[in-house]
Amino acid sequence: MITKIVGVVVFLVGVIIAALGLTVISSSGLLLAGILLAGAGFVAMYLALKSGKNVLIKIIGAVVLLVGVILAALGLTVVSSSGLLLAGIIAGGAGFVILYLA
């Protein structure tokens, strides 16, 4: 139960930070941090709900998803690269699919 709550809190804090970084404060660094926290929170929430079998597949899916989130966040903010953004979106989608099928 604690893991679920921690995941939800990290996700919501990440969403709030990303929203502030995108709008009111207008900071690429805050937007990047918010996106990364939201991605980590999502993975924590998912893994807390789906315990049991296929642990290795879940870990691989979580890693692929987080790599996708990191690449997309970097491509959207600090590095500002369409290639990184594209790779991040594709990797994030693959991570979602792996987690869903696990």
C-alpha atoms as a PDB file:
ATOM      1  CA  MET A   1       0.000   0.000   0.000  1.00  0.00           C
ATOM      2  CA  ILE A   2       2.837   2.392   0.854  1.00  0.00           C
ATOM      3  CA  THR A   3       4.446   1.800  -2.562  1.00  0.00           C
ATOM      4  CA  LYS A   4       1.208   2.759  -4.315  1.00  0.00           C
ATOM      5  CA  ILE A   5       0.928   5.965  -2.300  1.00  0.00           C
ATOM      6  CA  VAL A   6       4.563   6.891  -2.934  1.00  0.00           C
ATOM      7  CA  GLY A   7       4.093   6.280  -6.663  1.00  0.00           C
ATOM      8  CA  VAL A   8       0.980   8.463  -6.759  1.00  0.00           C
ATOM      9  CA  VAL A   9       2.667  11.268  -4.816  1.00  0.00           C
ATOM     10  CA  VAL A  10       5.793  11.204  -7.026  1.00  0.00           C
ATOM     11  CA  PHE A  11       3.611  11.182 -10.162  1.00  0.00           C
ATOM     12  CA  LEU A  12       1.446  14.101  -9.012  1.00  0.00           C
ATOM     13  CA  VAL A  13       4.447  16.143  -7.860  1.00  0.00           C
ATOM     14  CA  GLY A  14       6.068  15.518 -11.255  1.00  0.00           C
ATOM     15  CA  VAL A  15       2.927  16.625 -13.090  1.00  0.00           C
ATOM     16  CA  ILE A  16       2.687  19.806 -11.011  1.00  0.00           C
ATOM     17  CA  ILE A  17       6.377  20.630 -11.517  1.00  0.00           C
ATOM     18  CA  ALA A  18       6.091  19.988 -15.267  1.00  0.00           C
ATOM     19  CA  ALA A  19       3.004  22.207 -15.473  1.00  0.00           C
ATOM     20  CA  LEU A  20       4.770  25.007 -13.606  1.00  0.00           C
ATOM     21  CA  GLY A  21       7.880  24.630 -15.760  1.00  0.00           C
ATOM     22  CA  LEU A  22       5.789  24.824 -18.911  1.00  0.00           C
ATOM     23  CA  THR A  23       3.508  27.699 -17.936  1.00  0.00           C
ATOM     24  CA  VAL A  24       3.985  30.056 -14.988  1.00  0.00           C
ATOM     25  CA  ILE A  25       7.730  29.730 -14.367  1.00  0.00           C
ATOM     26  CA  SER A  26       8.612  28.848 -17.982  1.00  0.00           C
ATOM     27  CA  SER A  27      11.744  26.850 -17.206  1.00  0.00           C
ATOM     28  CA  SER A  28      13.126  23.996 -19.299  1.00  0.00           C
ATOM     29  CA  GLY A  29      14.876  22.550 -16.253  1.00  0.00           C
ATOM     30  CA  LEU A  30      11.649  22.388 -14.247  1.00  0.00           C
ATOM     31  CA  LEU A  31       9.788  20.899 -17.186  1.00  0.00           C
ATOM     32  CA  LEU A  32      12.494  18.248 -17.565  1.00  0.00           C
ATOM     33  CA  ALA A  33      12.451  17.403 -13.846  1.00  0.00           C
ATOM     34  CA  GLY A  34       8.653  17.230 -13.814  1.00  0.00           C
ATOM     35  CA  ILE A  35       8.476  14.899 -16.795  1.00  0.00           C
ATOM     36  CA  LEU A  36      11.115  12.603 -15.285  1.00  0.00           C
ATOM     37  CA  LEU A  37       9.356  12.511 -11.908  1.00  0.00           C
ATOM     38  CA  ALA A  38       5.987  11.819 -13.525  1.00  0.00           C
ATOM     39  CA  GLY A  39       7.489   8.932 -15.520  1.00  0.00           C
ATOM     40  CA  ALA A  40       9.143   7.460 -12.440  1.00  0.00           C
ATOM     41  CA  GLY A  41       5.918   7.830 -10.473  1.00  0.00           C
ATOM     42  CA  PHE A  42       3.939   6.081 -13.186  1.00  0.00           C
ATOM     43  CA  VAL A  43       6.329   3.142 -13.222  1.00  0.00           C
ATOM     44  CA  ALA A  44       6.249   2.925  -9.407  1.00  0.00           C
ATOM     45  CA  MET A  45       2.429   2.921  -9.416  1.00  0.00           C
ATOM     46  CA  TYR A  46       2.302   0.257 -12.116  1.00  0.00           C
ATOM     47  CA  LEU A  47       4.826  -2.042 -10.481  1.00  0.00           C
ATOM     48  CA  ALA A  48       3.012  -1.737  -7.143  1.00  0.00           C
ATOM     49  CA  LEU A  49      -0.217  -2.907  -8.766  1.00  0.00           C
ATOM     50  CA  LYS A  50       1.305  -5.749 -10.790  1.00  0.00           C
ATOM     51  CA  SER A  51       3.396  -7.844  -8.451  1.00  0.00           C
ATOM     52  CA  GLY A  52       4.001 -11.540  -8.898  1.00  0.00           C
ATOM     53  CA  LYS A  53       4.913 -13.250 -12.178  1.00  0.00           C
ATOM     54  CA  ASN A  54       6.984 -11.962 -15.081  1.00  0.00           C
ATOM     55  CA  VAL A  55       9.191  -9.782 -12.893  1.00  0.00           C
ATOM     56  CA  LEU A  56      12.018  -9.665 -15.444  1.00  0.00           C
ATOM     57  CA  ILE A  57       9.670  -8.586 -18.242  1.00  0.00           C
ATOM     58  CA  LYS A  58       8.204  -5.882 -15.978  1.00  0.00           C
ATOM     59  CA  ILE A  59      11.664  -4.595 -15.135  1.00  0.00           C
ATOM     60  CA  ILE A  60      12.616  -4.512 -18.827  1.00  0.00           C
ATOM     61  CA  GLY A  61       9.366  -2.692 -19.652  1.00  0.00           C
ATOM     62  CA  ALA A  62       9.951  -0.202 -16.843  1.00  0.00           C
ATOM     63  CA  VAL A  63      13.504   0.481 -18.003  1.00  0.00           C
ATOM     64  CA  VAL A  64      12.424   0.928 -21.643  1.00  0.00           C
ATOM     65  CA  LEU A  65       9.623   3.265 -20.546  1.00  0.00           C
ATOM     66  CA  LEU A  66      11.924   5.344 -18.340  1.00  0.00           C
ATOM     67  CA  VAL A  67      14.568   5.568 -21.077  1.00  0.00           C
ATOM     68  CA  GLY A  68      11.824   6.763 -23.420  1.00  0.00           C
ATOM     69  CA  VAL A  69      10.671   9.357 -20.905  1.00  0.00           C
ATOM     70  CA  ILE A  70      14.240  10.583 -20.410  1.00  0.00           C
ATOM     71  CA  LEU A  71      14.920  10.823 -24.156  1.00  0.00           C
ATOM     72  CA  ALA A  72      11.615  12.583 -24.821  1.00  0.00           C
ATOM     73  CA  ALA A  73      12.144  15.012 -21.954  1.00  0.00           C
ATOM     74  CA  LEU A  74      15.665  15.837 -23.114  1.00  0.00           C
ATOM     75  CA  GLY A  75      14.559  16.215 -26.726  1.00  0.00           C
ATOM     76  CA  LEU A  76      11.728  18.506 -25.642  1.00  0.00           C
ATOM     77  CA  THR A  77      13.684  20.711 -23.248  1.00  0.00           C
ATOM     78  CA  VAL A  78      17.437  20.870 -22.748  1.00  0.00           C
ATOM     79  CA  VAL A  79      18.772  19.480 -26.037  1.00  0.00           C
ATOM     80  CA  SER A  80      15.756  20.473 -28.178  1.00  0.00           C
ATOM     81  CA  SER A  81      16.164  17.682 -30.711  1.00  0.00           C
ATOM     82  CA  SER A  82      13.439  16.204 -32.889  1.00  0.00           C
ATOM     83  CA  GLY A  83      15.407  12.963 -33.180  1.00  0.00           C
ATOM     84  CA  LEU A  84      15.646  12.532 -29.409  1.00  0.00           C
ATOM     85  CA  LEU A  85      11.983  13.380 -29.019  1.00  0.00           C
ATOM     86  CA  LEU A  86      11.029  10.843 -31.696  1.00  0.00           C
ATOM     87  CA  ALA A  87      13.206   8.119 -30.141  1.00  0.00           C
ATOM     88  CA  GLY A  88      11.800   8.898 -26.703  1.00  0.00           C
ATOM     89  CA  ILE A  89       8.192   8.700 -27.840  1.00  0.00           C
ATOM     90  CA  ILE A  90       8.804   5.388 -29.621  1.00  0.00           C
ATOM     91  CA  ALA A  91      10.714   3.913 -26.650  1.00  0.00           C
ATOM     92  CA  GLY A  92       8.055   5.155 -24.234  1.00  0.00           C
ATOM     93  CA  GLY A  93       5.340   3.528 -26.317  1.00  0.00           C
ATOM     94  CA  ALA A  94       7.292   0.284 -26.446  1.00  0.00           C
ATOM     95  CA  GLY A  95       7.723   0.409 -22.675  1.00  0.00           C
ATOM     96  CA  PHE A  96       3.969   0.869 -22.189  1.00  0.00           C
ATOM     97  CA  VAL A  97       3.263  -2.109 -24.435  1.00  0.00           C
ATOM     98  CA  ILE A  98       5.795  -4.314 -22.616  1.00  0.00           C
ATOM     99  CA  LEU A  99       4.324  -3.352 -19.232  1.00  0.00           C
ATOM    100  CA  TYR A 100       0.791  -3.932 -20.498  1.00  0.00           C
ATOM    101  CA  LEU A 101       1.589  -7.383 -21.865  1.00  0.00           C
ATOM    102  CA  ALA A 102       3.581  -8.474 -18.769  1.00  0.00           C
END
